[in-house]
Amino acid sequence: MTQVEIFGQTYSVRAEGDSGYIHDLARFVDSRMKEVAEKTATVDTTKIAILAALNISDDLYQVEKRREGDPTDQKARAERLIRKLDDALGL
């Protein structure tokens, strides 16, 4: 059992593995909640947590999307690279 503090509340987290990792995750969530709280007018902790979760989810989604790559973006990039190579080779 690992005790962490997130946004002023203490939670007991049961997880396998390194407790340091759990603490790192808790610090990350805490920092994102604080960022959201600074940017919004609400003091409702639940709303702040949901907005932070949406922000974190968006970050993850964008990373996965870039990793998988949009085929149309890849095609456009390949075409630009081919044009640059053609220009460089004088073709």
C-alpha atoms as a PDB file:
ATOM      1  CA  MET A   1       0.000   0.000   0.000  1.00  0.00           C
ATOM      2  CA  THR A   2       1.407   3.377  -0.999  1.00  0.00           C
ATOM      3  CA  GLN A   3       0.151   6.682   0.400  1.00  0.00           C
ATOM      4  CA  VAL A   4       0.072   9.605  -2.026  1.00  0.00           C
ATOM      5  CA  GLU A   5      -1.233  13.135  -1.879  1.00  0.00           C
ATOM      6  CA  ILE A   6      -3.137  14.607  -4.783  1.00  0.00           C
ATOM      7  CA  PHE A   7      -4.636  18.076  -4.641  1.00  0.00           C
ATOM      8  CA  GLY A   8      -4.551  18.190  -0.872  1.00  0.00           C
ATOM      9  CA  GLN A   9      -6.106  14.765  -0.339  1.00  0.00           C
ATOM     10  CA  THR A  10      -4.283  11.638   0.824  1.00  0.00           C
ATOM     11  CA  TYR A  11      -5.004   8.383  -0.978  1.00  0.00           C
ATOM     12  CA  SER A  12      -3.911   4.834  -0.270  1.00  0.00           C
ATOM     13  CA  VAL A  13      -3.012   3.148  -3.534  1.00  0.00           C
ATOM     14  CA  ARG A  14      -2.629  -0.574  -3.833  1.00  0.00           C
ATOM     15  CA  ALA A  15      -0.459  -1.389  -6.816  1.00  0.00           C
ATOM     16  CA  GLU A  16       2.210  -3.849  -7.759  1.00  0.00           C
ATOM     17  CA  GLY A  17       5.684  -2.613  -8.471  1.00  0.00           C
ATOM     18  CA  ASP A  18       7.732   0.374  -7.488  1.00  0.00           C
ATOM     19  CA  SER A  19       6.094   2.767  -5.019  1.00  0.00           C
ATOM     20  CA  GLY A  20       8.332   5.525  -6.402  1.00  0.00           C
ATOM     21  CA  TYR A  21       6.546   5.158  -9.730  1.00  0.00           C
ATOM     22  CA  ILE A  22       3.175   5.556  -7.994  1.00  0.00           C
ATOM     23  CA  HIS A  23       4.484   8.696  -6.278  1.00  0.00           C
ATOM     24  CA  ASP A  24       5.666  10.052  -9.650  1.00  0.00           C
ATOM     25  CA  LEU A  25       2.216   9.443 -11.153  1.00  0.00           C
ATOM     26  CA  ALA A  26       0.539  11.122  -8.181  1.00  0.00           C
ATOM     27  CA  ARG A  27       2.827  14.162  -8.493  1.00  0.00           C
ATOM     28  CA  PHE A  28       1.997  14.360 -12.201  1.00  0.00           C
ATOM     29  CA  VAL A  29      -1.756  14.219 -11.573  1.00  0.00           C
ATOM     30  CA  ASP A  30      -1.404  16.730  -8.739  1.00  0.00           C
ATOM     31  CA  SER A  31       0.477  19.156 -10.973  1.00  0.00           C
ATOM     32  CA  ARG A  32      -2.094  18.834 -13.769  1.00  0.00           C
ATOM     33  CA  MET A  33      -4.937  19.459 -11.339  1.00  0.00           C
ATOM     34  CA  LYS A  34      -3.155  22.545 -10.018  1.00  0.00           C
ATOM     35  CA  GLU A  35      -2.675  23.816 -13.586  1.00  0.00           C
ATOM     36  CA  VAL A  36      -6.380  23.340 -14.299  1.00  0.00           C
ATOM     37  CA  ALA A  37      -7.357  25.002 -11.017  1.00  0.00           C
ATOM     38  CA  GLU A  38      -5.249  28.049 -11.893  1.00  0.00           C
ATOM     39  CA  LYS A  39      -6.889  28.382 -15.310  1.00  0.00           C
ATOM     40  CA  THR A  40     -10.517  27.860 -14.302  1.00  0.00           C
ATOM     41  CA  ALA A  41     -12.857  29.704 -12.006  1.00  0.00           C
ATOM     42  CA  THR A  42     -14.202  26.572 -10.330  1.00  0.00           C
ATOM     43  CA  VAL A  43     -13.184  25.331  -6.907  1.00  0.00           C
ATOM     44  CA  ASP A  44     -15.091  22.063  -7.335  1.00  0.00           C
ATOM     45  CA  THR A  45     -12.452  19.358  -6.915  1.00  0.00           C
ATOM     46  CA  THR A  46     -14.425  16.834  -8.952  1.00  0.00           C
ATOM     47  CA  LYS A  47     -14.689  19.196 -11.919  1.00  0.00           C
ATOM     48  CA  ILE A  48     -10.980  20.008 -11.646  1.00  0.00           C
ATOM     49  CA  ALA A  49     -10.162  16.279 -11.582  1.00  0.00           C
ATOM     50  CA  ILE A  50     -12.330  15.614 -14.635  1.00  0.00           C
ATOM     51  CA  LEU A  51     -10.782  18.503 -16.579  1.00  0.00           C
ATOM     52  CA  ALA A  52      -7.292  17.297 -15.608  1.00  0.00           C
ATOM     53  CA  ALA A  53      -8.206  13.772 -16.728  1.00  0.00           C
ATOM     54  CA  LEU A  54      -9.424  15.139 -20.059  1.00  0.00           C
ATOM     55  CA  ASN A  55      -6.179  17.073 -20.506  1.00  0.00           C
ATOM     56  CA  ILE A  56      -4.053  14.029 -19.686  1.00  0.00           C
ATOM     57  CA  SER A  57      -6.187  11.870 -21.989  1.00  0.00           C
ATOM     58  CA  ASP A  58      -5.776  14.392 -24.794  1.00  0.00           C
ATOM     59  CA  ASP A  59      -1.998  14.328 -24.327  1.00  0.00           C
ATOM     60  CA  LEU A  60      -1.992  10.527 -24.532  1.00  0.00           C
ATOM     61  CA  TYR A  61      -4.320  10.491 -27.534  1.00  0.00           C
ATOM     62  CA  GLN A  62      -2.152  12.997 -29.418  1.00  0.00           C
ATOM     63  CA  VAL A  63       1.012  10.974 -28.696  1.00  0.00           C
ATOM     64  CA  GLU A  64      -0.641   7.778 -29.928  1.00  0.00           C
ATOM     65  CA  LYS A  65      -1.988   9.541 -33.005  1.00  0.00           C
ATOM     66  CA  ARG A  66       1.494  10.867 -33.867  1.00  0.00           C
ATOM     67  CA  ARG A  67       3.030   7.448 -33.251  1.00  0.00           C
ATOM     68  CA  GLU A  68       0.532   5.704 -35.503  1.00  0.00           C
ATOM     69  CA  GLY A  69       0.703   8.525 -38.001  1.00  0.00           C
ATOM     70  CA  ASP A  70      -2.006   9.846 -40.203  1.00  0.00           C
ATOM     71  CA  PRO A  71      -1.568   8.184 -43.621  1.00  0.00           C
ATOM     72  CA  THR A  72      -2.434  11.407 -45.444  1.00  0.00           C
ATOM     73  CA  ASP A  73       0.193  13.303 -43.431  1.00  0.00           C
ATOM     74  CA  GLN A  74       2.763  10.597 -44.151  1.00  0.00           C
ATOM     75  CA  LYS A  75       2.019  10.721 -47.867  1.00  0.00           C
ATOM     76  CA  ALA A  76       2.299  14.527 -47.963  1.00  0.00           C
ATOM     77  CA  ARG A  77       5.575  14.385 -46.037  1.00  0.00           C
ATOM     78  CA  ALA A  78       6.970  11.727 -48.371  1.00  0.00           C
ATOM     79  CA  GLU A  79       6.030  13.843 -51.387  1.00  0.00           C
ATOM     80  CA  ARG A  80       7.767  16.912 -49.893  1.00  0.00           C
ATOM     81  CA  LEU A  81      10.887  14.870 -49.212  1.00  0.00           C
ATOM     82  CA  ILE A  82      10.897  13.506 -52.776  1.00  0.00           C
ATOM     83  CA  ARG A  83      10.612  17.058 -54.167  1.00  0.00           C
ATOM     84  CA  LYS A  84      13.508  18.198 -51.965  1.00  0.00           C
ATOM     85  CA  LEU A  85      15.628  15.275 -53.109  1.00  0.00           C
ATOM     86  CA  ASP A  86      14.731  15.965 -56.748  1.00  0.00           C
ATOM     87  CA  ASP A  87      15.688  19.635 -56.294  1.00  0.00           C
ATOM     88  CA  ALA A  88      18.939  18.717 -54.583  1.00  0.00           C
ATOM     89  CA  LEU A  89      19.824  16.267 -57.349  1.00  0.00           C
ATOM     90  CA  GLY A  90      18.741  18.669 -60.082  1.00  0.00           C
ATOM     91  CA  LEU A  91      16.032  16.368 -61.397  1.00  0.00           C
END
